[in-house]
Amino acid sequence: GITPVSTLNEKRLTVYCEEHSFFTAY
């Protein structure tokens, strides 16, 4: 049930790109 660290980092990177566009625009 443990997700590999590399996969977690990839998921976080995707979320960062999609959900932080507001901060980039600012």
mmCIF file of all heavy atoms, coordinates in Angstrom:
data_MODEL
# 
_entry.id   MODEL 
# 
loop_
_atom_site.group_PDB 
_atom_site.id 
_atom_site.type_symbol 
_atom_site.label_atom_id 
_atom_site.label_alt_id 
_atom_site.label_comp_id 
_atom_site.label_asym_id 
_atom_site.label_entity_id 
_atom_site.label_seq_id 
_atom_site.pdbx_PDB_ins_code 
_atom_site.Cartn_x 
_atom_site.Cartn_y 
_atom_site.Cartn_z 
_atom_site.occupancy 
_atom_site.B_iso_or_equiv 
_atom_site.pdbx_formal_charge 
_atom_site.auth_seq_id 
_atom_site.auth_comp_id 
_atom_site.auth_asym_id 
_atom_site.auth_atom_id 
_atom_site.pdbx_PDB_model_num 
ATOM 1   N N   . GLY A 1 1  ? 0.788  -1.225 0.000   1.00 0.00 ? 1  GLY A N   1 
ATOM 2   C CA  . GLY A 1 1  ? 0.000  0.000  0.000   1.00 0.00 ? 1  GLY A CA  1 
ATOM 3   C C   . GLY A 1 1  ? 0.819  1.274  0.000   1.00 0.00 ? 1  GLY A C   1 
ATOM 4   O O   . GLY A 1 1  ? 0.270  2.368  0.044   1.00 0.00 ? 1  GLY A O   1 
ATOM 5   N N   . ILE A 1 2  ? 2.135  1.152  -0.050  1.00 0.00 ? 2  ILE A N   1 
ATOM 6   C CA  . ILE A 1 2  ? 3.006  2.319  0.021   1.00 0.00 ? 2  ILE A CA  1 
ATOM 7   C C   . ILE A 1 2  ? 3.326  2.814  -1.384  1.00 0.00 ? 2  ILE A C   1 
ATOM 8   O O   . ILE A 1 2  ? 3.797  2.062  -2.231  1.00 0.00 ? 2  ILE A O   1 
ATOM 9   C CB  . ILE A 1 2  ? 4.301  1.991  0.770   1.00 0.00 ? 2  ILE A CB  1 
ATOM 10  C CG1 . ILE A 1 2  ? 3.972  1.579  2.211   1.00 0.00 ? 2  ILE A CG1 1 
ATOM 11  C CG2 . ILE A 1 2  ? 5.248  3.181  0.748   1.00 0.00 ? 2  ILE A CG2 1 
ATOM 12  C CD1 . ILE A 1 2  ? 5.192  1.138  2.997   1.00 0.00 ? 2  ILE A CD1 1 
ATOM 13  N N   . THR A 1 3  ? 3.051  4.103  -1.653  1.00 0.00 ? 3  THR A N   1 
ATOM 14  C CA  . THR A 1 3  ? 3.364  4.683  -2.965  1.00 0.00 ? 3  THR A CA  1 
ATOM 15  C C   . THR A 1 3  ? 4.833  5.071  -3.000  1.00 0.00 ? 3  THR A C   1 
ATOM 16  O O   . THR A 1 3  ? 5.333  5.717  -2.067  1.00 0.00 ? 3  THR A O   1 
ATOM 17  C CB  . THR A 1 3  ? 2.517  5.946  -3.206  1.00 0.00 ? 3  THR A CB  1 
ATOM 18  O OG1 . THR A 1 3  ? 1.149  5.600  -3.059  1.00 0.00 ? 3  THR A OG1 1 
ATOM 19  C CG2 . THR A 1 3  ? 2.771  6.519  -4.596  1.00 0.00 ? 3  THR A CG2 1 
ATOM 20  N N   . PRO A 1 4  ? 5.577  4.660  -4.041  1.00 0.00 ? 4  PRO A N   1 
ATOM 21  C CA  . PRO A 1 4  ? 6.993  5.024  -4.140  1.00 0.00 ? 4  PRO A CA  1 
ATOM 22  C C   . PRO A 1 4  ? 7.186  6.537  -4.070  1.00 0.00 ? 4  PRO A C   1 
ATOM 23  O O   . PRO A 1 4  ? 6.345  7.305  -4.543  1.00 0.00 ? 4  PRO A O   1 
ATOM 24  C CB  . PRO A 1 4  ? 7.393  4.479  -5.514  1.00 0.00 ? 4  PRO A CB  1 
ATOM 25  C CG  . PRO A 1 4  ? 6.393  3.417  -5.801  1.00 0.00 ? 4  PRO A CG  1 
ATOM 26  C CD  . PRO A 1 4  ? 5.118  3.857  -5.165  1.00 0.00 ? 4  PRO A CD  1 
ATOM 27  N N   . VAL A 1 5  ? 8.315  6.965  -3.487  1.00 0.00 ? 5  VAL A N   1 
ATOM 28  C CA  . VAL A 1 5  ? 8.597  8.391  -3.330  1.00 0.00 ? 5  VAL A CA  1 
ATOM 29  C C   . VAL A 1 5  ? 8.627  9.094  -4.674  1.00 0.00 ? 5  VAL A C   1 
ATOM 30  O O   . VAL A 1 5  ? 8.124  10.210 -4.838  1.00 0.00 ? 5  VAL A O   1 
ATOM 31  C CB  . VAL A 1 5  ? 9.938  8.587  -2.590  1.00 0.00 ? 5  VAL A CB  1 
ATOM 32  C CG1 . VAL A 1 5  ? 10.330 10.062 -2.585  1.00 0.00 ? 5  VAL A CG1 1 
ATOM 33  C CG2 . VAL A 1 5  ? 9.843  8.059  -1.167  1.00 0.00 ? 5  VAL A CG2 1 
ATOM 34  N N   . SER A 1 6  ? 9.193  8.478  -5.684  1.00 0.00 ? 6  SER A N   1 
ATOM 35  C CA  . SER A 1 6  ? 9.280  9.101  -7.000  1.00 0.00 ? 6  SER A CA  1 
ATOM 36  C C   . SER A 1 6  ? 7.893  9.402  -7.560  1.00 0.00 ? 6  SER A C   1 
ATOM 37  O O   . SER A 1 6  ? 7.655  10.451 -8.163  1.00 0.00 ? 6  SER A O   1 
ATOM 38  C CB  . SER A 1 6  ? 10.055 8.198  -7.969  1.00 0.00 ? 6  SER A CB  1 
ATOM 39  O OG  . SER A 1 6  ? 9.403  6.943  -8.079  1.00 0.00 ? 6  SER A OG  1 
ATOM 40  N N   . THR A 1 7  ? 6.936  8.497  -7.351  1.00 0.00 ? 7  THR A N   1 
ATOM 41  C CA  . THR A 1 7  ? 5.570  8.706  -7.819  1.00 0.00 ? 7  THR A CA  1 
ATOM 42  C C   . THR A 1 7  ? 4.906  9.852  -7.065  1.00 0.00 ? 7  THR A C   1 
ATOM 43  O O   . THR A 1 7  ? 4.201  10.678 -7.649  1.00 0.00 ? 7  THR A O   1 
ATOM 44  C CB  . THR A 1 7  ? 4.737  7.420  -7.649  1.00 0.00 ? 7  THR A CB  1 
ATOM 45  O OG1 . THR A 1 7  ? 5.393  6.341  -8.299  1.00 0.00 ? 7  THR A OG1 1 
ATOM 46  C CG2 . THR A 1 7  ? 3.338  7.600  -8.219  1.00 0.00 ? 7  THR A CG2 1 
ATOM 47  N N   . LEU A 1 8  ? 5.136  9.921  -5.757  1.00 0.00 ? 8  LEU A N   1 
ATOM 48  C CA  . LEU A 1 8  ? 4.579  11.022 -4.966  1.00 0.00 ? 8  LEU A CA  1 
ATOM 49  C C   . LEU A 1 8  ? 5.086  12.367 -5.460  1.00 0.00 ? 8  LEU A C   1 
ATOM 50  O O   . LEU A 1 8  ? 4.336  13.326 -5.595  1.00 0.00 ? 8  LEU A O   1 
ATOM 51  C CB  . LEU A 1 8  ? 4.945  10.838 -3.486  1.00 0.00 ? 8  LEU A CB  1 
ATOM 52  C CG  . LEU A 1 8  ? 4.160  9.790  -2.702  1.00 0.00 ? 8  LEU A CG  1 
ATOM 53  C CD1 . LEU A 1 8  ? 4.777  9.635  -1.313  1.00 0.00 ? 8  LEU A CD1 1 
ATOM 54  C CD2 . LEU A 1 8  ? 2.691  10.176 -2.591  1.00 0.00 ? 8  LEU A CD2 1 
ATOM 55  N N   . ASN A 1 9  ? 6.371  12.458 -5.738  1.00 0.00 ? 9  ASN A N   1 
ATOM 56  C CA  . ASN A 1 9  ? 6.948  13.699 -6.230  1.00 0.00 ? 9  ASN A CA  1 
ATOM 57  C C   . ASN A 1 9  ? 6.365  14.105 -7.570  1.00 0.00 ? 9  ASN A C   1 
ATOM 58  O O   . ASN A 1 9  ? 6.097  15.282 -7.827  1.00 0.00 ? 9  ASN A O   1 
ATOM 59  C CB  . ASN A 1 9  ? 8.469  13.567 -6.348  1.00 0.00 ? 9  ASN A CB  1 
ATOM 60  C CG  . ASN A 1 9  ? 9.148  13.535 -4.984  1.00 0.00 ? 9  ASN A CG  1 
ATOM 61  O OD1 . ASN A 1 9  ? 8.571  13.999 -4.010  1.00 0.00 ? 9  ASN A OD1 1 
ATOM 62  N ND2 . ASN A 1 9  ? 10.350 12.984 -4.924  1.00 0.00 ? 9  ASN A ND2 1 
ATOM 63  N N   . GLU A 1 10 ? 6.126  13.128 -8.443  1.00 0.00 ? 10 GLU A N   1 
ATOM 64  C CA  . GLU A 1 10 ? 5.530  13.412 -9.742  1.00 0.00 ? 10 GLU A CA  1 
ATOM 65  C C   . GLU A 1 10 ? 4.113  13.940 -9.578  1.00 0.00 ? 10 GLU A C   1 
ATOM 66  O O   . GLU A 1 10 ? 3.697  14.886 -10.251 1.00 0.00 ? 10 GLU A O   1 
ATOM 67  C CB  . GLU A 1 10 ? 5.532  12.147 -10.592 1.00 0.00 ? 10 GLU A CB  1 
ATOM 68  C CG  . GLU A 1 10 ? 6.926  11.735 -11.067 1.00 0.00 ? 10 GLU A CG  1 
ATOM 69  C CD  . GLU A 1 10 ? 6.928  10.366 -11.716 1.00 0.00 ? 10 GLU A CD  1 
ATOM 70  O OE1 . GLU A 1 10 ? 5.824  9.803  -11.860 1.00 0.00 ? 10 GLU A OE1 1 
ATOM 71  O OE2 . GLU A 1 10 ? 8.010  9.872  -12.068 1.00 0.00 ? 10 GLU A OE2 1 
ATOM 72  N N   . LYS A 1 11 ? 3.342  13.349 -8.667  1.00 0.00 ? 11 LYS A N   1 
ATOM 73  C CA  . LYS A 1 11 ? 1.968  13.794 -8.417  1.00 0.00 ? 11 LYS A CA  1 
ATOM 74  C C   . LYS A 1 11 ? 1.957  15.214 -7.873  1.00 0.00 ? 11 LYS A C   1 
ATOM 75  O O   . LYS A 1 11 ? 1.171  16.059 -8.293  1.00 0.00 ? 11 LYS A O   1 
ATOM 76  C CB  . LYS A 1 11 ? 1.279  12.847 -7.430  1.00 0.00 ? 11 LYS A CB  1 
ATOM 77  C CG  . LYS A 1 11 ? 0.921  11.487 -8.020  1.00 0.00 ? 11 LYS A CG  1 
ATOM 78  C CD  . LYS A 1 11 ? 0.214  10.641 -6.980  1.00 0.00 ? 11 LYS A CD  1 
ATOM 79  C CE  . LYS A 1 11 ? -0.175 9.279  -7.561  1.00 0.00 ? 11 LYS A CE  1 
ATOM 80  N NZ  . LYS A 1 11 ? -0.834 8.419  -6.558  1.00 0.00 ? 11 LYS A NZ  1 
ATOM 81  N N   . ARG A 1 12 ? 2.850  15.519 -6.940  1.00 0.00 ? 12 ARG A N   1 
ATOM 82  C CA  . ARG A 1 12 ? 2.911  16.853 -6.363  1.00 0.00 ? 12 ARG A CA  1 
ATOM 83  C C   . ARG A 1 12 ? 3.275  17.892 -7.414  1.00 0.00 ? 12 ARG A C   1 
ATOM 84  O O   . ARG A 1 12 ? 2.755  18.992 -7.432  1.00 0.00 ? 12 ARG A O   1 
ATOM 85  C CB  . ARG A 1 12 ? 3.920  16.886 -5.220  1.00 0.00 ? 12 ARG A CB  1 
ATOM 86  C CG  . ARG A 1 12 ? 3.425  16.184 -3.963  1.00 0.00 ? 12 ARG A CG  1 
ATOM 87  C CD  . ARG A 1 12 ? 4.519  16.089 -2.920  1.00 0.00 ? 12 ARG A CD  1 
ATOM 88  N NE  . ARG A 1 12 ? 4.055  15.360 -1.745  1.00 0.00 ? 12 ARG A NE  1 
ATOM 89  C CZ  . ARG A 1 12 ? 4.852  14.820 -0.847  1.00 0.00 ? 12 ARG A CZ  1 
ATOM 90  N NH1 . ARG A 1 12 ? 6.155  14.906 -0.983  1.00 0.00 ? 12 ARG A NH1 1 
ATOM 91  N NH2 . ARG A 1 12 ? 4.347  14.196 0.195   1.00 0.00 ? 12 ARG A NH2 1 
ATOM 92  N N   . LEU A 1 13 ? 4.170  17.536 -8.302  1.00 0.00 ? 13 LEU A N   1 
ATOM 93  C CA  . LEU A 1 13 ? 4.569  18.456 -9.361  1.00 0.00 ? 13 LEU A CA  1 
ATOM 94  C C   . LEU A 1 13 ? 3.390  18.781 -10.265 1.00 0.00 ? 13 LEU A C   1 
ATOM 95  O O   . LEU A 1 13 ? 3.166  19.935 -10.630 1.00 0.00 ? 13 LEU A O   1 
ATOM 96  C CB  . LEU A 1 13 ? 5.708  17.835 -10.182 1.00 0.00 ? 13 LEU A CB  1 
ATOM 97  C CG  . LEU A 1 13 ? 6.256  18.700 -11.322 1.00 0.00 ? 13 LEU A CG  1 
ATOM 98  C CD1 . LEU A 1 13 ? 6.830  19.998 -10.765 1.00 0.00 ? 13 LEU A CD1 1 
ATOM 99  C CD2 . LEU A 1 13 ? 7.332  17.940 -12.096 1.00 0.00 ? 13 LEU A CD2 1 
ATOM 100 N N   . THR A 1 14 ? 2.582  17.782 -10.590 1.00 0.00 ? 14 THR A N   1 
ATOM 101 C CA  . THR A 1 14 ? 1.409  17.996 -11.431 1.00 0.00 ? 14 THR A CA  1 
ATOM 102 C C   . THR A 1 14 ? 0.404  18.909 -10.740 1.00 0.00 ? 14 THR A C   1 
ATOM 103 O O   . THR A 1 14 ? -0.113 19.849 -11.326 1.00 0.00 ? 14 THR A O   1 
ATOM 104 C CB  . THR A 1 14 ? 0.738  16.643 -11.772 1.00 0.00 ? 14 THR A CB  1 
ATOM 105 O OG1 . THR A 1 14 ? 1.680  15.802 -12.427 1.00 0.00 ? 14 THR A OG1 1 
ATOM 106 C CG2 . THR A 1 14 ? -0.472 16.853 -12.657 1.00 0.00 ? 14 THR A CG2 1 
ATOM 107 N N   . VAL A 1 15 ? 0.151  18.654 -9.455  1.00 0.00 ? 15 VAL A N   1 
ATOM 108 C CA  . VAL A 1 15 ? -0.774 19.482 -8.690  1.00 0.00 ? 15 VAL A CA  1 
ATOM 109 C C   . VAL A 1 15 ? -0.257 20.916 -8.617  1.00 0.00 ? 15 VAL A C   1 
ATOM 110 O O   . VAL A 1 15 ? -1.004 21.869 -8.769  1.00 0.00 ? 15 VAL A O   1 
ATOM 111 C CB  . VAL A 1 15 ? -0.977 18.908 -7.271  1.00 0.00 ? 15 VAL A CB  1 
ATOM 112 C CG1 . VAL A 1 15 ? -1.740 19.881 -6.393  1.00 0.00 ? 15 VAL A CG1 1 
ATOM 113 C CG2 . VAL A 1 15 ? -1.718 17.578 -7.348  1.00 0.00 ? 15 VAL A CG2 1 
ATOM 114 N N   . TYR A 1 16 ? 1.046  21.071 -8.404  1.00 0.00 ? 16 TYR A N   1 
ATOM 115 C CA  . TYR A 1 16 ? 1.642  22.417 -8.317  1.00 0.00 ? 16 TYR A CA  1 
ATOM 116 C C   . TYR A 1 16 ? 1.385  23.198 -9.596  1.00 0.00 ? 16 TYR A C   1 
ATOM 117 O O   . TYR A 1 16 ? 0.974  24.349 -9.553  1.00 0.00 ? 16 TYR A O   1 
ATOM 118 C CB  . TYR A 1 16 ? 3.147  22.293 -8.061  1.00 0.00 ? 16 TYR A CB  1 
ATOM 119 C CG  . TYR A 1 16 ? 3.849  23.622 -8.000  1.00 0.00 ? 16 TYR A CG  1 
ATOM 120 C CD1 . TYR A 1 16 ? 3.934  24.326 -6.803  1.00 0.00 ? 16 TYR A CD1 1 
ATOM 121 C CD2 . TYR A 1 16 ? 4.410  24.187 -9.133  1.00 0.00 ? 16 TYR A CD2 1 
ATOM 122 C CE1 . TYR A 1 16 ? 4.556  25.550 -6.739  1.00 0.00 ? 16 TYR A CE1 1 
ATOM 123 C CE2 . TYR A 1 16 ? 5.030  25.410 -9.082  1.00 0.00 ? 16 TYR A CE2 1 
ATOM 124 C CZ  . TYR A 1 16 ? 5.110  26.089 -7.879  1.00 0.00 ? 16 TYR A CZ  1 
ATOM 125 O OH  . TYR A 1 16 ? 5.726  27.308 -7.824  1.00 0.00 ? 16 TYR A OH  1 
ATOM 126 N N   . CYS A 1 17 ? 1.597  22.587 -10.744 1.00 0.00 ? 17 CYS A N   1 
ATOM 127 C CA  . CYS A 1 17 ? 1.433  23.273 -12.025 1.00 0.00 ? 17 CYS A CA  1 
ATOM 128 C C   . CYS A 1 17 ? -0.018 23.673 -12.268 1.00 0.00 ? 17 CYS A C   1 
ATOM 129 O O   . CYS A 1 17 ? -0.282 24.738 -12.798 1.00 0.00 ? 17 CYS A O   1 
ATOM 130 C CB  . CYS A 1 17 ? 1.922  22.378 -13.161 1.00 0.00 ? 17 CYS A CB  1 
ATOM 131 S SG  . CYS A 1 17 ? 3.711  22.125 -13.152 1.00 0.00 ? 17 CYS A SG  1 
ATOM 132 N N   . GLU A 1 18 ? -0.943 22.829 -11.867 1.00 0.00 ? 18 GLU A N   1 
ATOM 133 C CA  . GLU A 1 18 ? -2.351 23.092 -12.143 1.00 0.00 ? 18 GLU A CA  1 
ATOM 134 C C   . GLU A 1 18 ? -2.964 24.086 -11.161 1.00 0.00 ? 18 GLU A C   1 
ATOM 135 O O   . GLU A 1 18 ? -3.767 24.925 -11.540 1.00 0.00 ? 18 GLU A O   1 
ATOM 136 C CB  . GLU A 1 18 ? -3.142 21.769 -12.092 1.00 0.00 ? 18 GLU A CB  1 
ATOM 137 C CG  . GLU A 1 18 ? -2.822 20.838 -13.248 1.00 0.00 ? 18 GLU A CG  1 
ATOM 138 C CD  . GLU A 1 18 ? -3.551 19.518 -13.107 1.00 0.00 ? 18 GLU A CD  1 
ATOM 139 O OE1 . GLU A 1 18 ? -4.243 19.321 -12.081 1.00 0.00 ? 18 GLU A OE1 1 
ATOM 140 O OE2 . GLU A 1 18 ? -3.430 18.681 -14.018 1.00 0.00 ? 18 GLU A OE2 1 
ATOM 141 N N   . GLU A 1 19 ? -2.609 24.001 -9.891  1.00 0.00 ? 19 GLU A N   1 
ATOM 142 C CA  . GLU A 1 19 ? -3.309 24.746 -8.854  1.00 0.00 ? 19 GLU A CA  1 
ATOM 143 C C   . GLU A 1 19 ? -2.589 26.019 -8.403  1.00 0.00 ? 19 GLU A C   1 
ATOM 144 O O   . GLU A 1 19 ? -3.148 26.798 -7.644  1.00 0.00 ? 19 GLU A O   1 
ATOM 145 C CB  . GLU A 1 19 ? -3.550 23.852 -7.638  1.00 0.00 ? 19 GLU A CB  1 
ATOM 146 C CG  . GLU A 1 19 ? -4.489 22.696 -7.955  1.00 0.00 ? 19 GLU A CG  1 
ATOM 147 C CD  . GLU A 1 19 ? -4.896 21.934 -6.713  1.00 0.00 ? 19 GLU A CD  1 
ATOM 148 O OE1 . GLU A 1 19 ? -4.483 22.330 -5.607  1.00 0.00 ? 19 GLU A OE1 1 
ATOM 149 O OE2 . GLU A 1 19 ? -5.638 20.953 -6.855  1.00 0.00 ? 19 GLU A OE2 1 
ATOM 150 N N   . HIS A 1 20 ? -1.373 26.248 -8.881  1.00 0.00 ? 20 HIS A N   1 
ATOM 151 C CA  . HIS A 1 20 ? -0.635 27.430 -8.463  1.00 0.00 ? 20 HIS A CA  1 
ATOM 152 C C   . HIS A 1 20 ? -0.574 28.491 -9.560  1.00 0.00 ? 20 HIS A C   1 
ATOM 153 O O   . HIS A 1 20 ? 0.194  29.441 -9.464  1.00 0.00 ? 20 HIS A O   1 
ATOM 154 C CB  . HIS A 1 20 ? 0.778  27.053 -8.020  1.00 0.00 ? 20 HIS A CB  1 
ATOM 155 C CG  . HIS A 1 20 ? 0.813  26.420 -6.665  1.00 0.00 ? 20 HIS A CG  1 
ATOM 156 N ND1 . HIS A 1 20 ? 0.210  25.230 -6.386  1.00 0.00 ? 20 HIS A ND1 1 
ATOM 157 C CD2 . HIS A 1 20 ? 1.363  26.837 -5.497  1.00 0.00 ? 20 HIS A CD2 1 
ATOM 158 C CE1 . HIS A 1 20 ? 0.393  24.912 -5.128  1.00 0.00 ? 20 HIS A CE1 1 
ATOM 159 N NE2 . HIS A 1 20 ? 1.082  25.871 -4.556  1.00 0.00 ? 20 HIS A NE2 1 
ATOM 160 N N   . SER A 1 21 ? -1.405 28.351 -10.566 1.00 0.00 ? 21 SER A N   1 
ATOM 161 C CA  . SER A 1 21 ? -1.403 29.334 -11.652 1.00 0.00 ? 21 SER A CA  1 
ATOM 162 C C   . SER A 1 21 ? -1.817 30.715 -11.147 1.00 0.00 ? 21 SER A C   1 
ATOM 163 O O   . SER A 1 21 ? -1.371 31.738 -11.696 1.00 0.00 ? 21 SER A O   1 
ATOM 164 C CB  . SER A 1 21 ? -2.343 28.886 -12.779 1.00 0.00 ? 21 SER A CB  1 
ATOM 165 O OG  . SER A 1 21 ? -3.663 28.727 -12.296 1.00 0.00 ? 21 SER A OG  1 
ATOM 166 N N   . PHE A 1 22 ? -2.653 30.765 -10.109 1.00 0.00 ? 22 PHE A N   1 
ATOM 167 C CA  . PHE A 1 22 ? -3.047 32.058 -9.534  1.00 0.00 ? 22 PHE A CA  1 
ATOM 168 C C   . PHE A 1 22 ? -1.831 32.815 -9.032  1.00 0.00 ? 22 PHE A C   1 
ATOM 169 O O   . PHE A 1 22 ? -1.680 34.012 -9.269  1.00 0.00 ? 22 PHE A O   1 
ATOM 170 C CB  . PHE A 1 22 ? -4.026 31.844 -8.382  1.00 0.00 ? 22 PHE A CB  1 
ATOM 171 C CG  . PHE A 1 22 ? -4.380 33.119 -7.675  1.00 0.00 ? 22 PHE A CG  1 
ATOM 172 C CD1 . PHE A 1 22 ? -5.424 33.921 -8.119  1.00 0.00 ? 22 PHE A CD1 1 
ATOM 173 C CD2 . PHE A 1 22 ? -3.656 33.535 -6.560  1.00 0.00 ? 22 PHE A CD2 1 
ATOM 174 C CE1 . PHE A 1 22 ? -5.743 35.106 -7.474  1.00 0.00 ? 22 PHE A CE1 1 
ATOM 175 C CE2 . PHE A 1 22 ? -3.969 34.721 -5.908  1.00 0.00 ? 22 PHE A CE2 1 
ATOM 176 C CZ  . PHE A 1 22 ? -5.018 35.507 -6.369  1.00 0.00 ? 22 PHE A CZ  1 
ATOM 177 N N   . PHE A 1 23 ? -0.941 32.099 -8.348  1.00 0.00 ? 23 PHE A N   1 
ATOM 178 C CA  . PHE A 1 23 ? 0.238  32.734 -7.769  1.00 0.00 ? 23 PHE A CA  1 
ATOM 179 C C   . PHE A 1 23 ? 1.218  33.163 -8.863  1.00 0.00 ? 23 PHE A C   1 
ATOM 180 O O   . PHE A 1 23 ? 1.858  34.214 -8.769  1.00 0.00 ? 23 PHE A O   1 
ATOM 181 C CB  . PHE A 1 23 ? 0.904  31.787 -6.771  1.00 0.00 ? 23 PHE A CB  1 
ATOM 182 C CG  . PHE A 1 23 ? -0.044 31.302 -5.708  1.00 0.00 ? 23 PHE A CG  1 
ATOM 183 C CD1 . PHE A 1 23 ? -0.494 30.002 -5.704  1.00 0.00 ? 23 PHE A CD1 1 
ATOM 184 C CD2 . PHE A 1 23 ? -0.528 32.172 -4.738  1.00 0.00 ? 23 PHE A CD2 1 
ATOM 185 C CE1 . PHE A 1 23 ? -1.383 29.560 -4.737  1.00 0.00 ? 23 PHE A CE1 1 
ATOM 186 C CE2 . PHE A 1 23 ? -1.415 31.748 -3.764  1.00 0.00 ? 23 PHE A CE2 1 
ATOM 187 C CZ  . PHE A 1 23 ? -1.850 30.437 -3.767  1.00 0.00 ? 23 PHE A CZ  1 
ATOM 188 N N   . THR A 1 24 ? 1.300  32.342 -9.915  1.00 0.00 ? 24 THR A N   1 
ATOM 189 C CA  . THR A 1 24 ? 2.132  32.708 -11.050 1.00 0.00 ? 24 THR A CA  1 
ATOM 190 C C   . THR A 1 24 ? 1.617  33.978 -11.709 1.00 0.00 ? 24 THR A C   1 
ATOM 191 O O   . THR A 1 24 ? 2.387  34.882 -12.053 1.00 0.00 ? 24 THR A O   1 
ATOM 192 C CB  . THR A 1 24 ? 2.162  31.570 -12.083 1.00 0.00 ? 24 THR A CB  1 
ATOM 193 O OG1 . THR A 1 24 ? 2.691  30.391 -11.472 1.00 0.00 ? 24 THR A OG1 1 
ATOM 194 C CG2 . THR A 1 24 ? 3.018  31.938 -13.291 1.00 0.00 ? 24 THR A CG2 1 
ATOM 195 N N   . ALA A 1 25 ? 0.298  34.082 -11.854 1.00 0.00 ? 25 ALA A N   1 
ATOM 196 C CA  . ALA A 1 25 ? -0.298 35.273 -12.468 1.00 0.00 ? 25 ALA A CA  1 
ATOM 197 C C   . ALA A 1 25 ? -0.040 36.509 -11.618 1.00 0.00 ? 25 ALA A C   1 
ATOM 198 O O   . ALA A 1 25 ? 0.247  37.594 -12.151 1.00 0.00 ? 25 ALA A O   1 
ATOM 199 C CB  . ALA A 1 25 ? -1.803 35.067 -12.661 1.00 0.00 ? 25 ALA A CB  1 
ATOM 200 N N   . TYR A 1 26 ? -0.129 36.359 -10.295 1.00 0.00 ? 26 TYR A N   1 
ATOM 201 C CA  . TYR A 1 26 ? 0.148  37.495 -9.400  1.00 0.00 ? 26 TYR A CA  1 
ATOM 202 C C   . TYR A 1 26 ? 1.598  37.944 -9.566  1.00 0.00 ? 26 TYR A C   1 
ATOM 203 O O   . TYR A 1 26 ? 1.885  39.145 -9.694  1.00 0.00 ? 26 TYR A O   1 
ATOM 204 C CB  . TYR A 1 26 ? -0.116 37.095 -7.957  1.00 0.00 ? 26 TYR A CB  1 
ATOM 205 C CG  . TYR A 1 26 ? -0.009 38.239 -6.969  1.00 0.00 ? 26 TYR A CG  1 
ATOM 206 C CD1 . TYR A 1 26 ? -1.142 38.897 -6.505  1.00 0.00 ? 26 TYR A CD1 1 
ATOM 207 C CD2 . TYR A 1 26 ? 1.228  38.670 -6.489  1.00 0.00 ? 26 TYR A CD2 1 
ATOM 208 C CE1 . TYR A 1 26 ? -1.052 39.941 -5.597  1.00 0.00 ? 26 TYR A CE1 1 
ATOM 209 C CE2 . TYR A 1 26 ? 1.330  39.710 -5.588  1.00 0.00 ? 26 TYR A CE2 1 
ATOM 210 C CZ  . TYR A 1 26 ? 0.185  40.343 -5.145  1.00 0.00 ? 26 TYR A CZ  1 
ATOM 211 O OH  . TYR A 1 26 ? 0.293  41.380 -4.257  1.00 0.00 ? 26 TYR A OH  1 
# 
